[in-house]
C-alpha atoms as a PDB file:
ATOM      1  CA  UNK A   1       0.118   0.019   0.033  1.00  0.00           C
ATOM      2  CA  UNK A   2       1.330   3.585  -0.955  1.00  0.00           C
ATOM      3  CA  UNK A   3       1.943   5.714   2.021  1.00  0.00           C
ATOM      4  CA  UNK A   4       0.286   8.863   1.904  1.00  0.00           C
ATOM      5  CA  UNK A   5       1.792  11.182   4.786  1.00  0.00           C
ATOM      6  CA  UNK A   6       3.705  13.426   2.489  1.00  0.00           C
ATOM      7  CA  UNK A   7       1.114  13.567  -0.345  1.00  0.00           C
ATOM      8  CA  UNK A   8      -1.798  16.275   0.165  1.00  0.00           C
ATOM      9  CA  UNK A   9      -4.747  14.307  -0.318  1.00  0.00           C
ATOM     10  CA  UNK A  10      -8.198  16.245  -1.853  1.00  0.00           C
ATOM     11  CA  UNK A  11     -10.641  13.531  -0.990  1.00  0.00           C
ATOM     12  CA  UNK A  12     -11.380  11.810   2.347  1.00  0.00           C
ATOM     13  CA  UNK A  13      -9.888   8.464   3.122  1.00  0.00           C
ATOM     14  CA  UNK A  14     -12.124   5.373   2.972  1.00  0.00           C
ATOM     15  CA  UNK A  15     -12.374   3.129   5.922  1.00  0.00           C
ATOM     16  CA  UNK A  16     -10.613   0.571   3.848  1.00  0.00           C
ATOM     17  CA  UNK A  17      -7.613   2.861   3.380  1.00  0.00           C
ATOM     18  CA  UNK A  18      -7.324   3.921   7.101  1.00  0.00           C
ATOM     19  CA  UNK A  19      -7.372  -0.071   7.790  1.00  0.00           C
ATOM     20  CA  UNK A  20      -4.300  -0.513   5.560  1.00  0.00           C
ATOM     21  CA  UNK A  21      -2.529   2.583   7.029  1.00  0.00           C
ATOM     22  CA  UNK A  22      -2.980   0.976  10.441  1.00  0.00           C
ATOM     23  CA  UNK A  23      -1.399  -2.241   9.184  1.00  0.00           C
ATOM     24  CA  UNK A  24       1.256  -0.461   7.251  1.00  0.00           C
ATOM     25  CA  UNK A  25       2.421   1.346  10.452  1.00  0.00           C
ATOM     26  CA  UNK A  26       2.174  -1.512  12.666  1.00  0.00           C
ATOM     27  CA  UNK A  27      -0.154   0.314  14.931  1.00  0.00           C
ATOM     28  CA  UNK A  28      -3.386  -1.177  16.692  1.00  0.00           C
ATOM     29  CA  UNK A  29      -6.424   0.723  16.890  1.00  0.00           C
ATOM     30  CA  UNK A  30      -6.378   0.526  20.544  1.00  0.00           C
ATOM     31  CA  UNK A  31      -3.003   2.141  21.379  1.00  0.00           C
ATOM     32  CA  UNK A  32      -4.102   4.840  18.491  1.00  0.00           C
ATOM     33  CA  UNK A  33      -7.351   5.605  20.510  1.00  0.00           C
ATOM     34  CA  UNK A  34      -5.219   5.887  23.978  1.00  0.00           C
ATOM     35  CA  UNK A  35      -2.718   8.034  22.347  1.00  0.00           C
ATOM     36  CA  UNK A  36      -5.571  10.372  20.848  1.00  0.00           C
ATOM     37  CA  UNK A  37      -7.963  10.026  23.752  1.00  0.00           C
ATOM     38  CA  UNK A  38     -10.804   8.271  21.763  1.00  0.00           C
ATOM     39  CA  UNK A  39     -12.965   5.476  22.753  1.00  0.00           C
ATOM     40  CA  UNK A  40     -11.984   2.314  21.033  1.00  0.00           C
ATOM     41  CA  UNK A  41     -15.399   1.372  19.936  1.00  0.00           C
ATOM     42  CA  UNK A  42     -16.311   4.613  18.541  1.00  0.00           C
ATOM     43  CA  UNK A  43     -13.304   4.365  16.147  1.00  0.00           C
ATOM     44  CA  UNK A  44     -14.163   0.753  15.360  1.00  0.00           C
ATOM     45  CA  UNK A  45     -17.698   1.691  14.383  1.00  0.00           C
ATOM     46  CA  UNK A  46     -16.013   4.293  12.110  1.00  0.00           C
ATOM     47  CA  UNK A  47     -14.056   1.861  10.211  1.00  0.00           C
ATOM     48  CA  UNK A  48     -16.854  -0.793  10.027  1.00  0.00           C
ATOM     49  CA  UNK A  49     -19.273   2.024   8.630  1.00  0.00           C
ATOM     50  CA  UNK A  50     -21.955   1.761  11.597  1.00  0.00           C
ATOM     51  CA  UNK A  51     -21.323   5.210  12.424  1.00  0.00           C
ATOM     52  CA  UNK A  52     -21.020   8.377  10.242  1.00  0.00           C
ATOM     53  CA  UNK A  53     -19.163  10.838  12.541  1.00  0.00           C
ATOM     54  CA  UNK A  54     -21.945  13.314  12.516  1.00  0.00           C
ATOM     55  CA  UNK A  55     -21.418  15.013  15.780  1.00  0.00           C
ATOM     56  CA  UNK A  56     -19.578  14.840  19.193  1.00  0.00           C
ATOM     57  CA  UNK A  57     -16.625  12.121  19.561  1.00  0.00           C
ATOM     58  CA  UNK A  58     -17.481  10.396  16.220  1.00  0.00           C
ATOM     59  CA  UNK A  59     -17.171  13.543  14.524  1.00  0.00           C
ATOM     60  CA  UNK A  60     -13.734  14.363  16.136  1.00  0.00           C
ATOM     61  CA  UNK A  61     -12.672  10.805  15.464  1.00  0.00           C
ATOM     62  CA  UNK A  62     -13.407  10.815  11.822  1.00  0.00           C
ATOM     63  CA  UNK A  63     -11.841  14.198  11.272  1.00  0.00           C
ATOM     64  CA  UNK A  64      -8.656  12.870  13.227  1.00  0.00           C
ATOM     65  CA  UNK A  65      -8.569   9.567  11.071  1.00  0.00           C
ATOM     66  CA  UNK A  66      -9.163  11.663   7.847  1.00  0.00           C
ATOM     67  CA  UNK A  67     -12.500  10.301   7.162  1.00  0.00           C
ATOM     68  CA  UNK A  68     -13.951  13.598   6.944  1.00  0.00           C
ATOM     69  CA  UNK A  69     -11.928  17.006   6.140  1.00  0.00           C
ATOM     70  CA  UNK A  70     -11.449  19.098   9.136  1.00  0.00           C
ATOM     71  CA  UNK A  71     -14.150  21.764   9.404  1.00  0.00           C
ATOM     72  CA  UNK A  72     -11.934  24.737  10.179  1.00  0.00           C
ATOM     73  CA  UNK A  73      -8.855  23.998   8.057  1.00  0.00           C
ATOM     74  CA  UNK A  74     -10.825  21.825   5.215  1.00  0.00           C
ATOM     75  CA  UNK A  75      -7.667  19.856   5.030  1.00  0.00           C
ATOM     76  CA  UNK A  76      -7.887  16.022   5.136  1.00  0.00           C
ATOM     77  CA  UNK A  77      -5.813  14.917   8.076  1.00  0.00           C
ATOM     78  CA  UNK A  78      -3.741  11.650   8.128  1.00  0.00           C
ATOM     79  CA  UNK A  79      -4.001   9.491  11.175  1.00  0.00           C
ATOM     80  CA  UNK A  80      -0.013   9.211  11.333  1.00  0.00           C
ATOM     81  CA  UNK A  81       1.509  12.367  11.314  1.00  0.00           C
ATOM     82  CA  UNK A  82       5.276  12.547  11.017  1.00  0.00           C
ATOM     83  CA  UNK A  83       5.763  14.691  14.081  1.00  0.00           C
ATOM     84  CA  UNK A  84       4.271  11.685  16.145  1.00  0.00           C
ATOM     85  CA  UNK A  85       6.317   9.319  14.620  1.00  0.00           C
ATOM     86  CA  UNK A  86       9.735  11.045  15.514  1.00  0.00           C
ATOM     87  CA  UNK A  87       8.952  10.914  19.223  1.00  0.00           C
END
């Protein structure tokens, strides 16, 4: 799978792409949720398509995952930023 951290993406990621990024980086959903202060089931439901991320924590998680653009900056986030990996 192609790494998308350096590329600017103009469309939101799909849940399948995000799952592939988790596998490519070797990070579990649980550990990512702990690091980003999110409930694991919220993220799992987003990745399974059971939640749409319309409001609240599900919306915040969808923006952090790159499933939705950031409402303020209009940019698509990548769940694994280079700054986090350097630490």
